[in-house]
Amino acid sequence: MKCLGMNDGVVRCAYHADSRSGTTGADKYKVKGNIHWVSVAHAFEAEVRLYDRLFRRPQPEGSAGLNPASKKIVTAQSEPALREAKPEERFQFERHGYFVARPRRQPAGAPRFNRAVTLRDSWSK
């Protein structure tokens, strides 16, 4: 699939069947990104907590080195199967990291997830 542009919130794409991974000749396409989608009819909203490093530098100096963006709470559109997530059950959310269903204060049918590990090391830059 190749994105042809976005206008008024609508993404326009073209699908190239011969670009699928593992297909002969697929390497003629240079993939710049991936789109992951969830069916609007079946998705549900889940609270997701994104934790990042507590400090901005490897060697912080007092509270001045704290990372103000070390915790973000977002609402994510989730796969229907995640509705049945049990406390402390673990998942990989594609392109975002590894998450665990919160161990307590979890309403039935509306799990909340905490990111345990990111997929990218922001300090390696």
N, C-alpha and C. Protein backbone atom coordinates (compact mmCIF):
# COMPACT_ATOMS: atom_id res chain seq x y z
N MET A 1 0.85 -1.15 0.00
CA MET A 1 0.00 0.00 0.00
C MET A 1 0.91 1.23 0.00
N LYS A 2 0.56 2.17 -0.81
CA LYS A 2 1.32 3.42 -0.88
C LYS A 2 0.38 4.57 -0.58
N CYS A 3 0.78 5.41 0.37
CA CYS A 3 -0.03 6.56 0.72
C CYS A 3 0.13 7.63 -0.34
N LEU A 4 -0.99 8.08 -0.88
CA LEU A 4 -0.97 9.09 -1.94
C LEU A 4 -1.21 10.49 -1.41
N GLY A 5 -1.54 10.59 -0.14
CA GLY A 5 -1.75 11.90 0.45
C GLY A 5 -2.88 11.89 1.45
N MET A 6 -3.04 13.02 2.13
CA MET A 6 -4.10 13.16 3.11
C MET A 6 -4.77 14.50 2.90
N ASN A 7 -6.10 14.48 2.89
CA ASN A 7 -6.85 15.70 2.69
C ASN A 7 -8.10 15.64 3.56
N ASP A 8 -8.32 16.65 4.38
CA ASP A 8 -9.49 16.72 5.25
C ASP A 8 -9.63 15.49 6.14
N GLY A 9 -8.52 14.97 6.62
CA GLY A 9 -8.56 13.82 7.52
C GLY A 9 -8.75 12.48 6.82
N VAL A 10 -8.78 12.45 5.50
CA VAL A 10 -8.95 11.22 4.75
C VAL A 10 -7.60 10.83 4.15
N VAL A 11 -7.16 9.61 4.44
CA VAL A 11 -5.91 9.11 3.89
C VAL A 11 -6.23 8.37 2.60
N ARG A 12 -5.56 8.74 1.54
CA ARG A 12 -5.75 8.08 0.24
C ARG A 12 -4.54 7.21 -0.04
N CYS A 13 -4.81 5.94 -0.34
CA CYS A 13 -3.73 4.97 -0.54
C CYS A 13 -3.98 4.12 -1.77
N ALA A 14 -2.92 3.50 -2.25
CA ALA A 14 -3.00 2.53 -3.34
C ALA A 14 -2.40 1.23 -2.83
N TYR A 15 -3.06 0.12 -3.12
CA TYR A 15 -2.60 -1.19 -2.68
C TYR A 15 -1.83 -1.87 -3.80
N HIS A 16 -0.62 -2.33 -3.51
CA HIS A 16 0.21 -3.05 -4.47
C HIS A 16 0.38 -4.48 -3.95
N ALA A 17 -0.37 -5.41 -4.50
CA ALA A 17 -0.36 -6.80 -4.03
C ALA A 17 1.03 -7.42 -4.08
N ASP A 18 1.86 -6.99 -5.03
CA ASP A 18 3.20 -7.58 -5.15
C ASP A 18 4.21 -6.95 -4.19
N SER A 19 3.75 -6.08 -3.28
CA SER A 19 4.67 -5.47 -2.32
C SER A 19 4.66 -6.19 -0.98
N ARG A 20 3.79 -7.17 -0.83
CA ARG A 20 3.67 -7.90 0.44
C ARG A 20 4.97 -8.59 0.80
N SER A 21 5.36 -8.50 2.05
CA SER A 21 6.60 -9.10 2.54
C SER A 21 6.63 -10.59 2.19
N GLY A 22 7.74 -11.04 1.64
CA GLY A 22 7.90 -12.44 1.27
C GLY A 22 7.48 -12.74 -0.16
N THR A 23 6.86 -11.77 -0.83
CA THR A 23 6.44 -11.94 -2.21
C THR A 23 7.62 -11.67 -3.13
N THR A 24 7.77 -12.50 -4.17
CA THR A 24 8.85 -12.30 -5.14
C THR A 24 8.72 -10.91 -5.76
N GLY A 25 9.80 -10.15 -5.72
CA GLY A 25 9.81 -8.80 -6.29
C GLY A 25 9.40 -7.71 -5.32
N ALA A 26 9.03 -8.09 -4.09
CA ALA A 26 8.60 -7.09 -3.11
C ALA A 26 9.70 -6.09 -2.77
N ASP A 27 10.95 -6.50 -2.96
CA ASP A 27 12.06 -5.62 -2.61
C ASP A 27 12.22 -4.44 -3.57
N LYS A 28 11.41 -4.38 -4.63
CA LYS A 28 11.49 -3.23 -5.54
C LYS A 28 10.80 -1.99 -4.94
N TYR A 29 10.08 -2.19 -3.84
CA TYR A 29 9.40 -1.09 -3.16
C TYR A 29 10.21 -0.67 -1.94
N LYS A 30 10.33 0.62 -1.73
CA LYS A 30 10.98 1.11 -0.52
C LYS A 30 9.88 1.55 0.44
N VAL A 31 9.75 0.83 1.55
CA VAL A 31 8.70 1.11 2.52
C VAL A 31 9.17 2.22 3.46
N LYS A 32 8.39 3.27 3.56
CA LYS A 32 8.74 4.40 4.43
C LYS A 32 8.01 4.33 5.75
N GLY A 33 6.99 3.50 5.85
CA GLY A 33 6.24 3.40 7.09
C GLY A 33 5.15 2.36 6.96
N ASN A 34 4.52 2.07 8.06
CA ASN A 34 3.44 1.09 8.09
C ASN A 34 2.21 1.71 8.71
N ILE A 35 1.07 1.30 8.22
CA ILE A 35 -0.20 1.72 8.80
C ILE A 35 -0.80 0.52 9.49
N HIS A 36 -1.15 0.69 10.74
CA HIS A 36 -1.84 -0.36 11.50
C HIS A 36 -3.22 0.18 11.82
N TRP A 37 -4.21 -0.60 11.56
CA TRP A 37 -5.56 -0.10 11.78
C TRP A 37 -6.37 -1.10 12.58
N VAL A 38 -7.41 -0.56 13.18
CA VAL A 38 -8.36 -1.34 13.96
C VAL A 38 -9.75 -0.98 13.43
N SER A 39 -10.60 -1.97 13.26
CA SER A 39 -11.95 -1.75 12.76
C SER A 39 -12.71 -0.80 13.70
N VAL A 40 -13.27 0.26 13.15
CA VAL A 40 -14.04 1.22 13.94
C VAL A 40 -15.24 0.53 14.58
N ALA A 41 -15.84 -0.38 13.86
CA ALA A 41 -17.04 -1.06 14.36
C ALA A 41 -16.75 -1.96 15.56
N HIS A 42 -15.51 -2.44 15.67
CA HIS A 42 -15.20 -3.40 16.72
C HIS A 42 -14.22 -2.89 17.77
N ALA A 43 -13.56 -1.79 17.52
CA ALA A 43 -12.57 -1.26 18.45
C ALA A 43 -13.24 -0.73 19.72
N PHE A 44 -12.46 -0.64 20.77
CA PHE A 44 -12.94 0.01 21.99
C PHE A 44 -11.84 0.90 22.53
N GLU A 45 -12.23 1.89 23.31
CA GLU A 45 -11.25 2.82 23.87
C GLU A 45 -10.65 2.22 25.12
N ALA A 46 -9.33 2.32 25.22
CA ALA A 46 -8.62 1.82 26.40
C ALA A 46 -7.65 2.91 26.87
N GLU A 47 -7.55 3.05 28.17
CA GLU A 47 -6.58 3.98 28.74
C GLU A 47 -5.21 3.34 28.69
N VAL A 48 -4.25 4.09 28.17
CA VAL A 48 -2.88 3.60 28.04
C VAL A 48 -1.95 4.62 28.67
N ARG A 49 -1.08 4.13 29.55
CA ARG A 49 -0.09 5.00 30.19
C ARG A 49 1.27 4.75 29.54
N LEU A 50 1.82 5.82 28.99
CA LEU A 50 3.11 5.75 28.32
C LEU A 50 4.18 6.32 29.24
N TYR A 51 5.02 5.44 29.74
CA TYR A 51 6.10 5.87 30.63
C TYR A 51 7.38 6.01 29.83
N ASP A 52 8.13 7.05 30.13
CA ASP A 52 9.43 7.28 29.50
C ASP A 52 10.43 7.46 30.63
N ARG A 53 11.64 7.81 30.29
CA ARG A 53 12.68 7.98 31.30
C ARG A 53 12.31 9.08 32.30
N LEU A 54 12.60 8.84 33.57
CA LEU A 54 12.28 9.80 34.61
C LEU A 54 13.19 11.03 34.52
N PHE A 55 14.41 10.82 34.04
CA PHE A 55 15.38 11.93 33.94
C PHE A 55 15.71 12.20 32.47
N ARG A 56 16.08 13.45 32.18
CA ARG A 56 16.41 13.84 30.81
C ARG A 56 17.83 13.44 30.41
N ARG A 57 18.69 13.25 31.39
CA ARG A 57 20.09 12.92 31.11
C ARG A 57 20.49 11.68 31.90
N PRO A 58 21.48 10.94 31.42
CA PRO A 58 21.93 9.75 32.15
C PRO A 58 22.48 10.08 33.54
N GLN A 59 23.05 11.27 33.71
CA GLN A 59 23.61 11.69 35.00
C GLN A 59 22.87 12.95 35.47
N PRO A 60 21.68 12.80 36.03
CA PRO A 60 20.90 13.99 36.42
C PRO A 60 21.50 14.71 37.62
N GLU A 61 21.19 15.98 37.73
CA GLU A 61 21.64 16.80 38.85
C GLU A 61 20.43 17.37 39.55
N GLY A 62 19.94 16.68 40.56
CA GLY A 62 18.78 17.14 41.32
C GLY A 62 17.50 17.08 40.51
N SER A 63 16.50 17.77 41.01
CA SER A 63 15.19 17.74 40.36
C SER A 63 15.17 18.50 39.04
N ALA A 64 16.22 19.30 38.75
CA ALA A 64 16.27 20.05 37.50
C ALA A 64 16.39 19.11 36.31
N GLY A 65 16.84 17.89 36.52
CA GLY A 65 17.01 16.94 35.43
C GLY A 65 15.79 16.07 35.17
N LEU A 66 14.68 16.33 35.89
CA LEU A 66 13.49 15.50 35.69
C LEU A 66 12.88 15.70 34.31
N ASN A 67 12.36 14.63 33.74
CA ASN A 67 11.71 14.67 32.44
C ASN A 67 10.22 14.93 32.65
N PRO A 68 9.71 16.11 32.28
CA PRO A 68 8.29 16.41 32.50
C PRO A 68 7.36 15.53 31.66
N ALA A 69 7.89 14.89 30.63
CA ALA A 69 7.08 14.01 29.77
C ALA A 69 7.30 12.53 30.11
N SER A 70 7.69 12.25 31.35
CA SER A 70 7.98 10.86 31.71
C SER A 70 6.73 10.00 31.83
N LYS A 71 5.55 10.63 31.90
CA LYS A 71 4.30 9.87 31.96
C LYS A 71 3.23 10.61 31.18
N LYS A 72 2.63 9.90 30.21
CA LYS A 72 1.52 10.44 29.44
C LYS A 72 0.38 9.43 29.50
N ILE A 73 -0.83 9.91 29.68
CA ILE A 73 -2.00 9.04 29.66
C ILE A 73 -2.77 9.38 28.39
N VAL A 74 -2.96 8.36 27.54
CA VAL A 74 -3.66 8.56 26.28
C VAL A 74 -4.81 7.55 26.16
N THR A 75 -5.72 7.84 25.26
CA THR A 75 -6.80 6.92 24.95
C THR A 75 -6.47 6.28 23.61
N ALA A 76 -6.46 4.95 23.57
CA ALA A 76 -6.12 4.23 22.35
C ALA A 76 -7.31 3.43 21.86
N GLN A 77 -7.42 3.29 20.56
CA GLN A 77 -8.41 2.40 19.96
C GLN A 77 -7.79 1.01 19.94
N SER A 78 -8.44 0.06 20.57
CA SER A 78 -7.84 -1.25 20.80
C SER A 78 -8.58 -2.38 20.11
N GLU A 79 -7.84 -3.45 19.86
CA GLU A 79 -8.41 -4.67 19.28
C GLU A 79 -9.46 -5.24 20.22
N PRO A 80 -10.53 -5.84 19.68
CA PRO A 80 -11.58 -6.41 20.53
C PRO A 80 -11.07 -7.46 21.52
N ALA A 81 -10.07 -8.24 21.14
CA ALA A 81 -9.57 -9.30 22.01
C ALA A 81 -8.96 -8.74 23.30
N LEU A 82 -8.48 -7.51 23.27
CA LEU A 82 -7.87 -6.92 24.46
C LEU A 82 -8.89 -6.58 25.54
N ARG A 83 -10.15 -6.58 25.19
CA ARG A 83 -11.20 -6.32 26.16
C ARG A 83 -11.20 -7.35 27.29
N GLU A 84 -10.72 -8.55 26.97
CA GLU A 84 -10.69 -9.64 27.95
C GLU A 84 -9.34 -9.76 28.67
N ALA A 85 -8.48 -8.76 28.53
CA ALA A 85 -7.15 -8.81 29.16
C ALA A 85 -7.28 -8.96 30.67
N LYS A 86 -6.51 -9.86 31.22
CA LYS A 86 -6.51 -10.10 32.66
C LYS A 86 -5.42 -9.24 33.30
N PRO A 87 -5.60 -8.84 34.56
CA PRO A 87 -4.56 -8.06 35.24
C PRO A 87 -3.20 -8.74 35.15
N GLU A 88 -2.19 -7.95 34.82
CA GLU A 88 -0.80 -8.36 34.68
C GLU A 88 -0.52 -9.20 33.43
N GLU A 89 -1.50 -9.37 32.55
CA GLU A 89 -1.25 -10.04 31.27
C GLU A 89 -0.45 -9.09 30.39
N ARG A 90 0.47 -9.64 29.59
CA ARG A 90 1.42 -8.82 28.83
C ARG A 90 1.14 -8.90 27.33
N PHE A 91 1.42 -7.76 26.63
CA PHE A 91 1.17 -7.66 25.20
C PHE A 91 2.24 -6.80 24.55
N GLN A 92 2.48 -7.03 23.25
CA GLN A 92 3.29 -6.10 22.47
C GLN A 92 2.33 -5.30 21.61
N PHE A 93 2.38 -3.98 21.74
CA PHE A 93 1.60 -3.10 20.88
C PHE A 93 2.55 -2.68 19.77
N GLU A 94 2.21 -3.05 18.54
CA GLU A 94 3.12 -2.82 17.42
C GLU A 94 3.61 -1.38 17.35
N ARG A 95 4.90 -1.24 17.16
CA ARG A 95 5.58 0.04 17.01
C ARG A 95 5.64 0.89 18.27
N HIS A 96 5.10 0.39 19.39
CA HIS A 96 5.07 1.21 20.60
C HIS A 96 5.78 0.58 21.79
N GLY A 97 5.83 -0.73 21.88
CA GLY A 97 6.52 -1.35 22.99
C GLY A 97 5.72 -2.49 23.61
N TYR A 98 6.16 -2.84 24.81
CA TYR A 98 5.52 -3.92 25.55
C TYR A 98 4.70 -3.33 26.68
N PHE A 99 3.49 -3.84 26.84
CA PHE A 99 2.53 -3.30 27.79
C PHE A 99 2.01 -4.40 28.69
N VAL A 100 1.57 -4.01 29.87
CA VAL A 100 0.98 -4.94 30.82
C VAL A 100 -0.36 -4.35 31.26
N ALA A 101 -1.36 -5.24 31.33
CA ALA A 101 -2.66 -4.80 31.84
C ALA A 101 -2.47 -4.45 33.30
N ARG A 102 -3.00 -3.31 33.71
CA ARG A 102 -2.79 -2.84 35.08
C ARG A 102 -3.23 -3.89 36.09
N PRO A 103 -2.43 -4.08 37.13
CA PRO A 103 -2.71 -5.14 38.10
C PRO A 103 -3.91 -4.89 39.00
N ARG A 104 -4.34 -3.64 39.18
CA ARG A 104 -5.49 -3.38 40.05
C ARG A 104 -6.29 -2.19 39.50
N ARG A 105 -7.44 -1.96 40.09
CA ARG A 105 -8.33 -0.87 39.65
C ARG A 105 -8.68 -1.00 38.17
N GLN A 106 -8.97 -2.22 37.77
CA GLN A 106 -9.27 -2.49 36.37
C GLN A 106 -10.75 -2.83 36.20
N PRO A 107 -11.55 -1.96 35.59
CA PRO A 107 -12.97 -2.27 35.41
C PRO A 107 -13.15 -3.45 34.45
N ALA A 108 -14.12 -4.30 34.70
CA ALA A 108 -14.39 -5.44 33.83
C ALA A 108 -14.72 -4.96 32.42
N GLY A 109 -14.08 -5.56 31.42
CA GLY A 109 -14.35 -5.21 30.03
C GLY A 109 -13.73 -3.91 29.57
N ALA A 110 -12.98 -3.23 30.44
CA ALA A 110 -12.33 -1.96 30.08
C ALA A 110 -10.93 -1.92 30.67
N PRO A 111 -10.04 -2.78 30.18
CA PRO A 111 -8.70 -2.82 30.75
C PRO A 111 -7.91 -1.54 30.51
N ARG A 112 -6.95 -1.32 31.38
CA ARG A 112 -6.02 -0.21 31.25
C ARG A 112 -4.63 -0.81 31.13
N PHE A 113 -3.77 -0.17 30.35
CA PHE A 113 -2.45 -0.74 30.07
C PHE A 113 -1.34 0.23 30.44
N ASN A 114 -0.26 -0.31 30.97
CA ASN A 114 0.95 0.46 31.28
C ASN A 114 2.06 -0.01 30.35
N ARG A 115 2.79 0.94 29.75
CA ARG A 115 3.95 0.54 28.93
C ARG A 115 5.08 0.18 29.87
N ALA A 116 5.64 -1.01 29.67
CA ALA A 116 6.76 -1.48 30.49
C ALA A 116 8.10 -1.20 29.80
N VAL A 117 8.15 -1.37 28.48
CA VAL A 117 9.39 -1.21 27.72
C VAL A 117 9.07 -0.61 26.36
N THR A 118 9.82 0.40 25.95
CA THR A 118 9.66 0.95 24.60
C THR A 118 10.45 0.09 23.63
N LEU A 119 10.20 0.26 22.33
CA LEU A 119 10.95 -0.48 21.33
C LEU A 119 12.19 0.27 20.88
N ARG A 120 12.28 1.54 21.23
CA ARG A 120 13.43 2.34 20.82
C ARG A 120 14.13 2.88 22.06
N ASP A 121 15.44 2.92 21.98
CA ASP A 121 16.23 3.47 23.07
C ASP A 121 16.54 4.93 22.75
N SER A 122 15.84 5.85 23.40
CA SER A 122 16.02 7.27 23.08
C SER A 122 17.38 7.81 23.54
N TRP A 123 18.11 7.07 24.37
CA TRP A 123 19.41 7.57 24.84
C TRP A 123 20.54 7.15 23.91
N SER A 124 20.28 6.32 22.94
CA SER A 124 21.34 5.86 22.05
C SER A 124 21.65 6.87 20.95
N LYS A 125 20.86 7.96 20.86
CA LYS A 125 21.06 8.97 19.82
C LYS A 125 22.34 9.75 20.05
